[in-house]
Amino acid sequence: MKFTFSFAVFFFLFLTIASAQKKEDSFKVIYQQFYNDKYQEGQDFEMIYSDGVTYLSKNDDKIRQYIDYNRKQNVNIINYDGKLYKTTTFFNKLDEGIISKDKTEKIMGYECSCMVYNSFSNKIEVWFTESADAKGSPYKSFIPYEDALVLKVSINGNSSIVANSITKINKEPLPDYPYGIAEEISEPEFEELKIKSRYTVLTVFENERINFDTKLPAYDLSTASVDKTYRLSNGGVILKKIKLPEAAKNGAYCFAKLTVRSDGDAYDRTGSVFIIPAENEKSTMLDGLFGGTEKLPVYTDKKANKYQGITETETYSPQTEVMRFFTSFGAGHFNDLRVINNYPWKDDVVYKNEITELIPDNQDEIWIGVFIGNYDKGGHIVNLELDFYPEDEDSDTHKKYIQPLFNTVNILEMSGQNYGRFFRTDTLVTEFEIPENMSDLKLVYTSTGHGGWGNGDEFVPKLNQIFIDGEKIFSFVPWRTDCATYRFSNPASGNFGNGLSSSDLSRSNWCPGTLTPPYFIPLDNLKPGKHKIQVVIDQGEDEVGSFSHWGVSGIITGNIGSKE
């Protein structure tokens, strides 16, 4: 009897284990999408259910989604920078819906109930059955019950996804489910990685110093290498030659993100982020950056004052300015030196600007630099990155045309390059040529006024006018009245007896701690051939011990090829 009893127990355990290990059937559910009851061609969606797991993604998806009924969790997995990360949400943490007793619908032969959810001001109606062998929902946030198979989801009554077929797929391989090897992180951390995975970040400068330093070594341009930071012009410029990612050639949107904090300089300073193509048929500002201002062509005004490297010539091309910015009064370094109740000083200033039209798509490498005019030993600490966001797949991308014409921002200020102060008695003039077969031409024009005391052009509105071939194409008064918005970026700003601070005052198209965006001036009537451009500014008179000056830059952009 003992043997018989033991055999019976063994046989029972064997059947139990075998039953537990029996693989369930696998199912594939195909959904069709509709908008205003119109079928959306090419947007069908498939969901697979097998062994207690619903697969909502394919292996090559950036973000893979699962409904894990065994663990009673929703699971997201992302491959970021060569490593797997996951976030999990237990079913009991999901939003609860309300059964709509008066709504039922027959879908694919199943009598379906309706659960209603409200999410971010959207009405979500979910039709489901508990009679199917498969489980799952095309929207994993909306799971009516653990045994439910969702066959239809309607959003705000005009957008829906409806099951079209359910088939067994036992011989078809399942997508991967690397739950055990993915590191678990919080949902906010996962959301950050999701966003970062969608675009390319090219780090240019990390914690680089721009200051006044006359002991820096000289460098030879002919031996300059890629990805090395060069500190030039007595520390006023940092420069690096970088390789552009493929995204730059494929029509990606490009944004420059610059972060600046003071490491000793208390004042608001002119700054510029600029680009110089590595391949250029003409000489460029690289000659001046590595060899000094004497290497640059000279523009002479009516009073015989000389200005180095500011206009295009037959043999010279100025730098392409992609971002004009102004440092704050000491954000970072001076925060603890001027503590004021209810004044939460910013630790740094972040500037982000779209520069898509100014990033060349015909270059493998470019030089990119940052200039801040200052004479402080500590200066500023700078970070710069370029963010490339893929363009829509169906976008019609033309090759870019980029032609810098003039730039009076004296990025070699700390090497003796003159300020743009000639507008009081003279006009900025340069000639240029437009090739055949160009379209969407425009002038990207940036202008900021500086200098003087109370009556200087920094604080007095002045008219700017632009002429091409003698015809006025643009006229405006560059002026900013919103500078007080940025008070918390300016801890070292001087305070006046009337309650105002220096950083509050309106200025000629700039504020301490801000960007100055360019104007995009259409040039629809500009024909191929040679042209002359003139910039006229109503610059003010010099004051005792001070003078006014203007930083203007102009770049013609467009597309190579005619409009279709």
Protein backbone atom coordinates (compact mmCIF):
# COMPACT_ATOMS: atom_id res chain seq x y z
CA MET A 1 0.00 0.00 0.00
CA LYS A 2 2.86 2.34 0.76
CA PHE A 3 4.24 1.96 -2.80
CA THR A 4 0.80 2.43 -4.30
CA PHE A 5 0.16 5.56 -2.24
CA SER A 6 3.54 7.04 -3.15
CA PHE A 7 2.99 6.30 -6.84
CA ALA A 8 -0.41 7.97 -6.74
CA VAL A 9 1.05 11.05 -5.10
CA PHE A 10 3.83 11.15 -7.67
CA PHE A 11 1.39 10.76 -10.57
CA PHE A 12 -0.80 13.55 -9.19
CA LEU A 13 2.19 15.90 -8.82
CA PHE A 14 3.33 15.05 -12.36
CA LEU A 15 -0.07 15.92 -13.81
CA THR A 16 -0.14 19.15 -11.80
CA ILE A 17 3.31 20.24 -12.98
CA ALA A 18 2.61 19.21 -16.56
CA SER A 19 -0.62 21.14 -16.50
CA ALA A 20 1.13 24.19 -15.05
CA GLN A 21 3.83 24.04 -17.73
CA LYS A 22 1.42 23.61 -20.61
CA LYS A 23 1.85 26.52 -22.98
CA GLU A 24 -1.25 28.54 -23.72
CA ASP A 25 -2.29 29.34 -27.25
CA SER A 26 -0.89 32.59 -28.64
CA PHE A 27 -3.14 35.10 -30.37
CA LYS A 28 -2.67 38.08 -32.64
CA VAL A 29 -5.29 40.82 -32.68
CA ILE A 30 -5.28 43.29 -35.58
CA TYR A 31 -6.84 46.72 -35.01
CA GLN A 32 -7.84 49.31 -37.60
CA GLN A 33 -7.83 53.03 -36.93
CA PHE A 34 -10.62 55.46 -37.87
CA TYR A 35 -10.99 59.22 -37.74
CA ASN A 36 -14.50 60.66 -38.08
CA ASP A 37 -15.55 57.14 -39.14
CA LYS A 38 -13.05 57.18 -42.02
CA TYR A 39 -10.59 54.30 -42.17
CA GLN A 40 -6.95 55.43 -41.88
CA GLU A 41 -5.02 53.53 -44.54
CA GLY A 42 -1.67 52.12 -43.45
CA GLN A 43 -2.21 52.66 -39.72
CA ASP A 44 -3.29 49.17 -38.67
CA PHE A 45 -1.94 48.06 -35.31
CA GLU A 46 -1.24 44.54 -34.03
CA MET A 47 -1.23 43.17 -30.49
CA ILE A 48 -0.02 39.70 -29.41
CA TYR A 49 -1.11 37.77 -26.32
CA SER A 50 0.78 34.69 -25.07
CA ASP A 51 1.29 33.04 -21.68
CA GLY A 52 -0.08 35.90 -19.64
CA VAL A 53 1.81 38.65 -21.47
CA THR A 54 0.39 41.09 -24.03
CA TYR A 55 3.00 42.46 -26.49
CA LEU A 56 2.21 45.93 -27.79
CA SER A 57 5.53 46.54 -29.59
CA LYS A 58 8.05 45.01 -31.96
CA ASN A 59 11.71 44.37 -31.18
CA ASP A 60 12.91 47.33 -33.24
CA ASP A 61 10.62 49.86 -31.52
CA LYS A 62 12.49 52.45 -29.47
CA ILE A 63 10.08 51.99 -26.60
CA ARG A 64 8.60 48.52 -26.03
CA GLN A 65 5.34 48.14 -24.11
CA TYR A 66 3.87 45.10 -22.37
CA ILE A 67 0.89 44.16 -20.22
CA ASP A 68 2.17 41.50 -17.82
CA TYR A 69 -0.79 39.65 -16.30
CA ASN A 70 1.52 37.28 -14.43
CA ARG A 71 3.06 40.16 -12.48
CA LYS A 72 -0.08 42.31 -12.74
CA GLN A 73 1.98 45.15 -14.18
CA ASN A 74 2.22 47.45 -17.14
CA VAL A 75 5.83 47.43 -18.34
CA ASN A 76 7.75 49.89 -20.53
CA ILE A 77 11.30 49.08 -21.70
CA ILE A 78 13.68 51.41 -23.51
CA ASN A 79 17.16 50.85 -24.95
CA TYR A 80 19.05 54.07 -24.27
CA ASP A 81 22.75 54.48 -24.94
CA GLY A 82 23.24 50.70 -25.13
CA LYS A 83 21.47 49.85 -21.86
CA LEU A 84 17.94 48.63 -21.10
CA TYR A 85 15.74 50.50 -18.63
CA LYS A 86 12.20 49.71 -17.52
CA THR A 87 9.37 51.28 -15.60
CA THR A 88 6.48 49.29 -14.12
CA THR A 89 2.99 50.21 -12.98
CA PHE A 90 0.81 47.79 -11.04
CA PHE A 91 -2.73 47.34 -12.30
CA ASN A 92 -4.18 48.69 -9.07
CA LYS A 93 -2.44 52.01 -9.77
CA LEU A 94 -4.17 52.51 -13.12
CA ASP A 95 -7.12 54.85 -13.55
CA GLU A 96 -10.47 53.29 -12.79
CA GLY A 97 -13.24 53.68 -15.31
CA ILE A 98 -17.00 53.70 -14.92
CA ILE A 99 -19.20 51.05 -16.56
CA SER A 100 -21.73 52.57 -18.94
CA LYS A 101 -24.76 50.33 -18.37
CA ASP A 102 -26.69 51.68 -21.35
CA LYS A 103 -23.88 51.10 -23.86
CA THR A 104 -23.16 47.69 -25.36
CA GLU A 105 -21.89 46.72 -28.77
CA LYS A 106 -21.33 43.49 -30.67
CA ILE A 107 -17.81 43.36 -32.10
CA MET A 108 -16.46 40.32 -33.98
CA GLY A 109 -19.24 38.18 -32.52
CA TYR A 110 -18.56 39.21 -28.90
CA GLU A 111 -21.07 41.08 -26.77
CA CYS A 112 -18.99 43.95 -25.43
CA SER A 113 -19.52 46.16 -22.40
CA CYS A 114 -18.32 49.76 -22.27
CA MET A 115 -16.02 51.31 -19.66
CA VAL A 116 -15.63 55.10 -19.69
CA TYR A 117 -12.47 56.93 -18.60
CA ASN A 118 -11.54 60.59 -18.39
CA SER A 119 -7.90 61.36 -19.15
CA PHE A 120 -6.41 64.85 -19.59
CA SER A 121 -9.83 66.28 -20.45
CA ASN A 122 -10.43 63.49 -23.00
CA LYS A 123 -13.35 61.08 -22.91
CA ILE A 124 -12.11 57.52 -23.49
CA GLU A 125 -14.72 54.80 -24.18
CA VAL A 126 -13.43 51.22 -24.04
CA TRP A 127 -15.48 48.26 -25.32
CA PHE A 128 -14.36 44.86 -24.03
CA THR A 129 -15.28 41.21 -23.61
CA GLU A 130 -14.29 38.69 -20.93
CA SER A 131 -15.24 35.70 -23.12
CA ALA A 132 -12.19 35.66 -25.40
CA ASP A 133 -9.13 33.43 -24.90
CA ALA A 134 -6.80 36.41 -25.39
CA LYS A 135 -6.33 39.34 -23.04
CA GLY A 136 -5.10 42.85 -23.55
CA SER A 137 -5.80 46.41 -24.63
CA PRO A 138 -4.23 48.49 -27.41
CA TYR A 139 -3.98 51.25 -24.79
CA LYS A 140 -2.33 49.68 -21.76
CA SER A 141 -3.48 52.46 -19.45
CA PHE A 142 -7.09 51.38 -19.97
CA ILE A 143 -7.62 47.80 -18.72
CA PRO A 144 -11.24 47.32 -17.57
CA TYR A 145 -10.66 43.90 -15.89
CA GLU A 146 -7.82 41.37 -15.81
CA ASP A 147 -9.75 38.92 -18.01
CA ALA A 148 -10.79 41.57 -20.52
CA LEU A 149 -9.89 41.79 -24.17
CA VAL A 150 -10.47 45.31 -25.46
CA LEU A 151 -11.95 45.29 -28.97
CA LYS A 152 -12.64 48.98 -29.45
CA VAL A 153 -11.42 52.30 -28.06
CA SER A 154 -13.06 55.63 -28.90
CA ILE A 155 -11.48 58.98 -28.02
CA ASN A 156 -13.78 62.01 -27.81
CA GLY A 157 -16.18 60.33 -30.22
CA ASN A 158 -14.15 61.11 -33.35
CA SER A 159 -11.06 58.91 -33.18
CA SER A 160 -11.23 55.15 -32.68
CA ILE A 161 -9.33 51.89 -32.95
CA VAL A 162 -11.37 48.73 -33.63
CA ALA A 163 -10.37 45.05 -33.70
CA ASN A 164 -10.59 43.55 -37.19
CA SER A 165 -9.27 40.00 -36.67
CA ILE A 166 -8.16 37.53 -33.97
CA THR A 167 -5.97 34.59 -35.02
CA LYS A 168 -3.90 31.87 -33.33
CA ILE A 169 -0.18 32.20 -34.04
CA ASN A 170 1.43 29.35 -32.09
CA LYS A 171 4.14 28.81 -34.72
CA GLU A 172 5.07 32.48 -35.01
CA PRO A 173 8.02 33.70 -32.88
CA LEU A 174 7.14 36.18 -30.15
CA PRO A 175 8.81 39.55 -29.64
CA ASP A 176 11.50 39.74 -26.95
CA TYR A 177 10.52 40.51 -23.38
CA PRO A 178 13.80 41.37 -21.55
CA TYR A 179 12.12 42.12 -18.22
CA GLY A 180 14.84 40.56 -16.07
CA ILE A 181 17.81 42.38 -17.58
CA ALA A 182 16.30 45.88 -17.73
CA GLU A 183 17.17 48.24 -14.88
CA GLU A 184 14.09 49.68 -13.18
CA ILE A 185 13.87 53.47 -12.94
CA SER A 186 11.16 55.92 -11.93
CA GLU A 187 8.51 57.12 -14.36
CA PRO A 188 9.92 60.70 -14.46
CA GLU A 189 13.36 59.27 -15.27
CA PHE A 190 11.85 57.09 -17.97
CA GLU A 191 10.02 60.05 -19.51
CA GLU A 192 13.32 61.92 -19.66
CA LEU A 193 14.98 59.02 -21.52
CA LYS A 194 12.00 58.78 -23.91
CA ILE A 195 12.46 62.40 -24.90
CA LYS A 196 16.24 62.13 -25.20
CA SER A 197 15.97 59.00 -27.37
CA ARG A 198 14.02 60.89 -30.03
CA TYR A 199 16.82 63.26 -31.04
CA THR A 200 20.61 63.52 -31.34
CA VAL A 201 22.63 65.57 -28.86
CA LEU A 202 26.05 66.77 -29.98
CA THR A 203 28.03 68.11 -27.02
CA VAL A 204 30.38 70.88 -28.15
CA PHE A 205 31.69 72.51 -24.95
CA GLU A 206 31.52 71.29 -21.35
CA ASN A 207 32.41 73.65 -18.50
CA GLU A 208 34.81 75.70 -20.61
CA ARG A 209 36.06 79.05 -19.35
CA ILE A 210 35.87 82.33 -21.29
CA ASN A 211 37.90 85.01 -19.51
CA PHE A 212 40.80 87.41 -19.96
CA ASP A 213 44.11 85.55 -20.04
CA THR A 214 47.15 86.99 -21.82
CA LYS A 215 49.28 83.93 -21.09
CA LEU A 216 47.50 81.50 -23.39
CA PRO A 217 49.70 79.71 -25.94
CA ALA A 218 49.51 80.42 -29.68
CA TYR A 219 48.20 77.70 -32.00
CA ASP A 220 48.90 76.87 -35.63
CA LEU A 221 45.73 76.55 -37.72
CA SER A 222 47.42 74.10 -40.11
CA THR A 223 47.90 71.56 -37.30
CA ALA A 224 44.55 72.11 -35.54
CA SER A 225 42.67 68.89 -34.77
CA VAL A 226 39.05 67.80 -34.43
CA ASP A 227 37.30 67.86 -31.03
CA LYS A 228 39.99 69.92 -29.33
CA THR A 229 38.94 73.13 -27.57
CA TYR A 230 41.11 76.13 -28.47
CA ARG A 231 41.07 79.20 -26.22
CA LEU A 232 41.90 82.16 -28.43
CA SER A 233 42.02 85.97 -28.49
CA ASN A 234 43.38 86.26 -24.94
CA GLY A 235 40.65 83.96 -23.65
CA GLY A 236 37.67 85.78 -25.19
CA VAL A 237 36.83 82.95 -27.63
CA ILE A 238 36.57 79.19 -27.32
CA LEU A 239 36.64 77.32 -30.62
CA LYS A 240 36.34 73.69 -31.68
CA LYS A 241 36.27 71.77 -34.94
CA ILE A 242 33.47 69.18 -34.81
CA LYS A 243 32.09 66.42 -36.99
CA LEU A 244 28.44 66.92 -37.87
CA PRO A 245 26.07 63.97 -37.39
CA GLU A 246 24.22 62.48 -40.35
CA ALA A 247 21.06 64.14 -39.05
CA ALA A 248 22.52 67.51 -40.09
CA LYS A 249 22.57 66.35 -43.73
CA ASN A 250 19.11 64.82 -43.62
CA GLY A 251 17.00 67.89 -42.95
CA ALA A 252 16.90 67.66 -39.16
CA TYR A 253 15.78 70.62 -37.10
CA CYS A 254 18.75 72.01 -35.16
CA PHE A 255 18.70 73.92 -31.88
CA ALA A 256 21.70 75.40 -30.08
CA LYS A 257 21.52 75.17 -26.29
CA LEU A 258 23.96 77.39 -24.39
CA THR A 259 24.40 77.60 -20.62
CA VAL A 260 26.42 80.42 -19.06
CA ARG A 261 27.23 81.19 -15.42
CA SER A 262 29.52 83.80 -14.00
CA ASP A 263 32.75 82.69 -12.38
CA GLY A 264 33.80 86.19 -11.40
CA ASP A 265 32.57 88.65 -14.04
CA ALA A 266 29.82 90.87 -12.63
CA TYR A 267 28.79 92.66 -15.82
CA ASP A 268 26.44 92.12 -18.76
CA ARG A 269 28.55 91.27 -21.81
CA THR A 270 27.97 90.80 -25.52
CA GLY A 271 28.16 87.15 -26.58
CA SER A 272 28.01 85.36 -29.91
CA VAL A 273 27.86 81.72 -31.01
CA PHE A 274 29.23 81.41 -34.54
CA ILE A 275 30.06 78.87 -37.21
CA ILE A 276 32.85 78.76 -39.79
CA PRO A 277 32.73 75.98 -42.44
CA ALA A 278 35.80 73.73 -42.38
CA GLU A 279 35.80 73.70 -46.19
CA ASN A 280 35.69 77.17 -47.71
CA GLU A 281 37.05 78.51 -50.97
CA LYS A 282 37.69 81.90 -49.33
CA SER A 283 39.74 82.96 -46.35
CA THR A 284 37.69 83.19 -43.14
CA MET A 285 37.73 84.48 -39.58
CA LEU A 286 39.85 81.41 -38.75
CA ASP A 287 42.84 83.37 -40.05
CA GLY A 288 42.19 86.12 -37.51
CA LEU A 289 41.39 83.75 -34.65
CA PHE A 290 44.63 81.83 -35.05
CA GLY A 291 46.82 84.54 -36.59
CA GLY A 292 45.58 87.87 -35.22
CA THR A 293 43.57 90.79 -36.62
CA GLU A 294 46.31 91.70 -39.07
CA LYS A 295 45.41 88.58 -41.06
CA LEU A 296 41.92 89.94 -41.82
CA PRO A 297 40.77 92.23 -44.65
CA VAL A 298 40.09 95.82 -43.58
CA TYR A 299 36.94 97.89 -44.03
CA THR A 300 37.81 101.62 -43.92
CA ASP A 301 35.19 104.24 -43.10
CA LYS A 302 35.06 107.87 -44.22
CA LYS A 303 37.23 108.96 -41.30
CA ALA A 304 39.91 106.39 -42.19
CA ASN A 305 39.06 104.20 -39.19
CA LYS A 306 39.76 100.56 -39.87
CA TYR A 307 37.48 97.62 -39.07
CA GLN A 308 38.90 94.12 -39.44
CA GLY A 309 37.07 91.20 -41.06
CA ILE A 310 33.50 92.50 -40.96
CA THR A 311 32.27 92.20 -44.58
CA GLU A 312 32.33 89.64 -47.34
CA THR A 313 34.78 90.27 -50.18
CA GLU A 314 35.82 88.31 -53.25
CA THR A 315 38.40 86.51 -51.14
CA TYR A 316 36.96 86.60 -47.59
CA SER A 317 33.84 85.27 -45.84
CA PRO A 318 32.89 86.44 -42.31
CA GLN A 319 31.68 84.09 -39.58
CA THR A 320 28.05 82.92 -39.55
CA GLU A 321 26.42 84.10 -36.34
CA VAL A 322 23.88 81.55 -35.08
CA MET A 323 23.13 83.04 -31.66
CA ARG A 324 23.48 86.57 -30.23
CA PHE A 325 23.24 86.50 -26.46
CA PHE A 326 24.03 88.71 -23.49
CA THR A 327 25.40 87.52 -20.21
CA SER A 328 23.60 88.44 -17.05
CA PHE A 329 24.91 90.54 -14.22
CA GLY A 330 26.77 87.75 -12.41
CA ALA A 331 24.31 84.82 -12.23
CA GLY A 332 25.98 82.05 -10.26
CA HIS A 333 29.06 83.67 -8.78
CA PHE A 334 27.32 86.59 -7.07
CA ASN A 335 24.17 84.84 -5.81
CA ASP A 336 25.44 84.45 -2.26
CA LEU A 337 27.05 87.89 -2.24
CA ARG A 338 23.77 89.70 -2.67
CA VAL A 339 21.10 87.80 -0.76
CA ILE A 340 17.68 89.51 -0.81
CA ASN A 341 14.49 88.13 0.64
CA ASN A 342 12.15 86.73 -2.05
CA TYR A 343 14.83 87.10 -4.73
CA PRO A 344 15.56 83.53 -5.93
CA TRP A 345 18.64 84.17 -8.07
CA LYS A 346 19.23 81.85 -11.03
CA ASP A 347 22.34 79.69 -10.82
CA ASP A 348 22.98 80.14 -14.55
CA VAL A 349 21.32 81.36 -17.72
CA VAL A 350 20.13 78.91 -20.37
CA TYR A 351 19.68 80.11 -23.96
CA LYS A 352 18.10 77.86 -26.61
CA ASN A 353 17.59 78.94 -30.19
CA GLU A 354 16.63 77.22 -33.44
CA ILE A 355 19.46 77.48 -35.95
CA THR A 356 18.25 75.00 -38.59
CA GLU A 357 18.66 77.39 -41.53
CA LEU A 358 22.23 78.24 -40.51
CA ILE A 359 23.66 74.72 -40.09
CA PRO A 360 25.32 73.66 -43.37
CA ASP A 361 24.27 70.35 -44.90
CA ASN A 362 27.21 70.16 -47.31
CA GLN A 363 29.97 69.96 -44.70
CA ASP A 364 31.31 66.95 -42.80
CA GLU A 365 33.02 69.23 -40.30
CA ILE A 366 32.56 72.78 -39.07
CA TRP A 367 34.25 75.12 -36.65
CA ILE A 368 32.00 76.40 -33.90
CA GLY A 369 32.91 79.04 -31.35
CA VAL A 370 31.58 81.11 -28.47
CA PHE A 371 32.67 84.68 -27.79
CA ILE A 372 32.07 86.72 -24.63
CA GLY A 373 33.72 90.14 -24.45
CA ASN A 374 35.10 90.50 -20.91
CA TYR A 375 38.28 91.44 -19.11
CA ASP A 376 37.78 89.43 -15.93
CA LYS A 377 40.16 86.73 -14.73
CA GLY A 378 37.34 84.42 -13.61
CA GLY A 379 35.08 85.25 -16.50
CA HIS A 380 32.29 82.83 -17.37
CA ILE A 381 31.78 79.06 -17.51
CA VAL A 382 30.11 77.90 -20.71
CA ASN A 383 28.35 74.74 -21.93
CA LEU A 384 27.12 74.33 -25.51
CA GLU A 385 25.28 71.52 -27.26
CA LEU A 386 23.58 71.12 -30.63
CA ASP A 387 20.29 69.21 -30.62
CA PHE A 388 19.18 67.60 -33.89
CA TYR A 389 15.52 66.61 -34.17
CA PRO A 390 14.55 64.38 -37.14
CA GLU A 391 12.32 65.96 -39.75
CA ASP A 392 9.03 64.32 -40.75
CA GLU A 393 9.61 61.43 -43.13
CA ASP A 394 7.37 62.89 -45.82
CA SER A 395 8.98 66.34 -45.75
CA ASP A 396 10.47 67.62 -48.99
CA THR A 397 14.02 68.63 -48.09
CA HIS A 398 16.08 70.98 -50.26
CA LYS A 399 19.80 71.55 -49.96
CA LYS A 400 20.58 74.72 -48.04
CA TYR A 401 22.14 77.91 -49.31
CA ILE A 402 24.02 79.94 -46.65
CA GLN A 403 25.99 83.10 -47.46
CA PRO A 404 27.24 85.35 -44.61
CA LEU A 405 27.51 88.99 -45.78
CA PHE A 406 28.60 91.05 -42.77
CA ASN A 407 29.20 90.81 -39.03
CA THR A 408 30.34 93.75 -36.88
CA VAL A 409 30.32 91.80 -33.61
CA ASN A 410 34.00 92.09 -32.77
CA ILE A 411 34.68 88.57 -31.55
CA LEU A 412 38.40 89.47 -31.55
CA GLU A 413 37.73 92.42 -29.23
CA MET A 414 40.33 91.19 -26.75
CA SER A 415 42.89 91.08 -29.58
CA GLY A 416 42.16 94.63 -30.76
CA GLN A 417 39.35 94.21 -33.30
CA ASN A 418 37.49 97.51 -33.60
CA TYR A 419 33.90 98.13 -32.45
CA GLY A 420 31.22 98.78 -35.06
CA ARG A 421 31.06 102.54 -34.38
CA PHE A 422 31.19 103.89 -37.95
CA PHE A 423 27.43 104.23 -38.49
CA ARG A 424 27.42 107.81 -37.18
CA THR A 425 29.25 109.08 -40.27
CA ASP A 426 29.17 106.15 -42.66
CA THR A 427 27.13 103.28 -44.11
CA LEU A 428 27.95 99.59 -44.05
CA VAL A 429 28.22 98.52 -47.69
CA THR A 430 29.17 95.22 -49.27
CA GLU A 431 28.61 93.50 -52.59
CA PHE A 432 27.48 89.92 -53.04
CA GLU A 433 26.40 87.55 -55.80
CA ILE A 434 23.40 85.20 -55.91
CA PRO A 435 23.84 82.01 -57.98
CA GLU A 436 21.25 80.67 -60.38
CA ASN A 437 18.44 78.36 -59.31
CA MET A 438 17.85 79.59 -55.75
CA SER A 439 14.51 79.78 -53.90
CA ASP A 440 13.09 81.01 -50.57
CA LEU A 441 15.87 83.56 -50.18
CA LYS A 442 15.83 85.69 -47.04
CA LEU A 443 18.17 87.92 -45.06
CA VAL A 444 18.76 86.81 -41.47
CA TYR A 445 19.51 90.12 -39.76
CA THR A 446 20.48 90.68 -36.11
CA SER A 447 21.04 94.13 -34.63
CA THR A 448 21.85 95.37 -31.11
CA GLY A 449 22.90 98.86 -29.99
CA HIS A 450 25.52 99.55 -27.34
CA GLY A 451 27.58 102.17 -25.57
CA GLY A 452 27.27 105.66 -24.29
CA TRP A 453 25.85 106.66 -20.93
CA GLY A 454 22.34 107.98 -20.48
CA ASN A 455 22.23 109.30 -24.06
CA GLY A 456 24.07 106.38 -25.65
CA ASP A 457 22.56 104.07 -28.23
CA GLU A 458 22.17 101.29 -25.66
CA PHE A 459 19.37 103.27 -24.02
CA VAL A 460 18.01 105.36 -26.92
CA PRO A 461 15.87 103.86 -29.75
CA LYS A 462 17.57 104.22 -33.13
CA LEU A 463 16.30 103.56 -36.65
CA ASN A 464 17.85 100.70 -38.70
CA GLN A 465 17.35 100.64 -42.49
CA ILE A 466 18.50 98.07 -45.04
CA PHE A 467 18.81 98.75 -48.77
CA ILE A 468 19.57 96.34 -51.61
CA ASP A 469 20.58 97.92 -54.91
CA GLY A 470 19.36 101.28 -53.62
CA GLU A 471 15.86 100.04 -52.70
CA LYS A 472 14.81 99.98 -49.05
CA ILE A 473 13.75 96.45 -48.11
CA PHE A 474 13.47 96.75 -44.33
CA SER A 475 13.21 99.44 -41.70
CA PHE A 476 12.68 99.12 -37.94
CA VAL A 477 13.70 100.40 -34.51
CA PRO A 478 15.29 97.56 -32.51
CA TRP A 479 14.11 97.89 -28.91
CA ARG A 480 13.35 95.67 -25.89
CA THR A 481 11.00 96.76 -23.11
CA ASP A 482 10.78 93.42 -21.25
CA CYS A 483 14.15 93.42 -19.48
CA ALA A 484 12.60 93.52 -15.99
CA THR A 485 11.29 90.01 -16.69
CA TYR A 486 14.82 88.67 -16.18
CA ARG A 487 15.61 90.35 -12.85
CA PHE A 488 16.32 87.04 -11.09
CA SER A 489 19.15 86.29 -13.53
CA ASN A 490 21.00 89.47 -12.49
CA PRO A 491 22.15 89.40 -8.87
CA ALA A 492 25.04 91.85 -9.45
CA SER A 493 22.93 94.45 -11.26
CA GLY A 494 23.16 97.94 -9.80
CA ASN A 495 20.08 99.14 -7.90
CA PHE A 496 18.80 102.71 -8.10
CA GLY A 497 17.18 104.89 -5.48
CA ASN A 498 13.81 104.76 -7.24
CA GLY A 499 13.56 100.95 -6.89
CA LEU A 500 14.62 100.07 -10.42
CA SER A 501 17.67 97.97 -11.19
CA SER A 502 20.01 98.47 -14.13
CA SER A 503 18.96 95.11 -15.60
CA ASP A 504 15.33 96.34 -15.70
CA LEU A 505 16.01 99.17 -18.14
CA SER A 506 14.84 98.94 -21.75
CA ARG A 507 17.60 98.63 -24.32
CA SER A 508 18.36 98.56 -28.03
CA ASN A 509 17.13 95.04 -28.79
CA TRP A 510 18.72 93.20 -25.88
CA CYS A 511 18.46 92.59 -22.14
CA PRO A 512 21.01 91.28 -19.64
CA GLY A 513 20.63 87.50 -19.58
CA THR A 514 18.69 87.07 -22.85
CA LEU A 515 18.93 86.07 -26.48
CA THR A 516 18.38 88.51 -29.31
CA PRO A 517 16.56 86.62 -32.09
CA PRO A 518 17.21 87.68 -35.68
CA TYR A 519 14.74 89.13 -38.16
CA PHE A 520 13.99 86.99 -41.21
CA ILE A 521 13.53 89.39 -44.13
CA PRO A 522 12.08 87.85 -47.33
CA LEU A 523 14.05 88.47 -50.53
CA ASP A 524 11.49 87.06 -52.97
CA ASN A 525 12.39 89.51 -55.75
CA LEU A 526 16.15 89.06 -55.55
CA LYS A 527 17.42 87.86 -58.92
CA PRO A 528 20.58 85.88 -59.67
CA GLY A 529 23.67 88.02 -60.19
CA LYS A 530 25.57 90.75 -58.38
CA HIS A 531 23.98 93.04 -55.78
CA LYS A 532 24.91 95.69 -53.24
CA ILE A 533 23.57 95.80 -49.67
CA GLN A 534 23.69 98.84 -47.39
CA VAL A 535 22.92 99.07 -43.67
CA VAL A 536 22.07 102.55 -42.37
CA ILE A 537 21.75 103.22 -38.62
CA ASP A 538 20.99 106.52 -36.91
CA GLN A 539 23.93 106.20 -34.51
CA GLY A 540 24.25 108.85 -31.79
CA GLU A 541 27.06 111.26 -31.02
CA ASP A 542 29.99 110.27 -28.81
CA GLU A 543 29.88 111.30 -25.18
CA VAL A 544 32.81 112.25 -23.01
CA GLY A 545 34.71 109.05 -22.28
CA SER A 546 32.22 106.86 -24.16
CA PHE A 547 30.94 106.09 -27.66
CA SER A 548 28.03 104.23 -29.21
CA HIS A 549 28.42 101.24 -31.48
CA TRP A 550 26.31 98.56 -33.16
CA GLY A 551 26.61 94.82 -33.52
CA VAL A 552 24.91 93.81 -36.77
CA SER A 553 25.13 90.57 -38.71
CA GLY A 554 23.52 89.58 -41.99
CA ILE A 555 23.31 86.18 -43.65
CA ILE A 556 21.43 85.24 -46.80
CA THR A 557 19.79 81.83 -46.57
CA GLY A 558 17.62 79.85 -48.95
CA ASN A 559 17.22 76.61 -50.85
CA ILE A 560 19.25 75.31 -53.74
CA GLY A 561 16.71 74.53 -56.44
CA SER A 562 13.50 76.15 -57.54
CA LYS A 563 10.16 75.86 -55.77
CA GLU A 564 8.06 73.01 -57.08
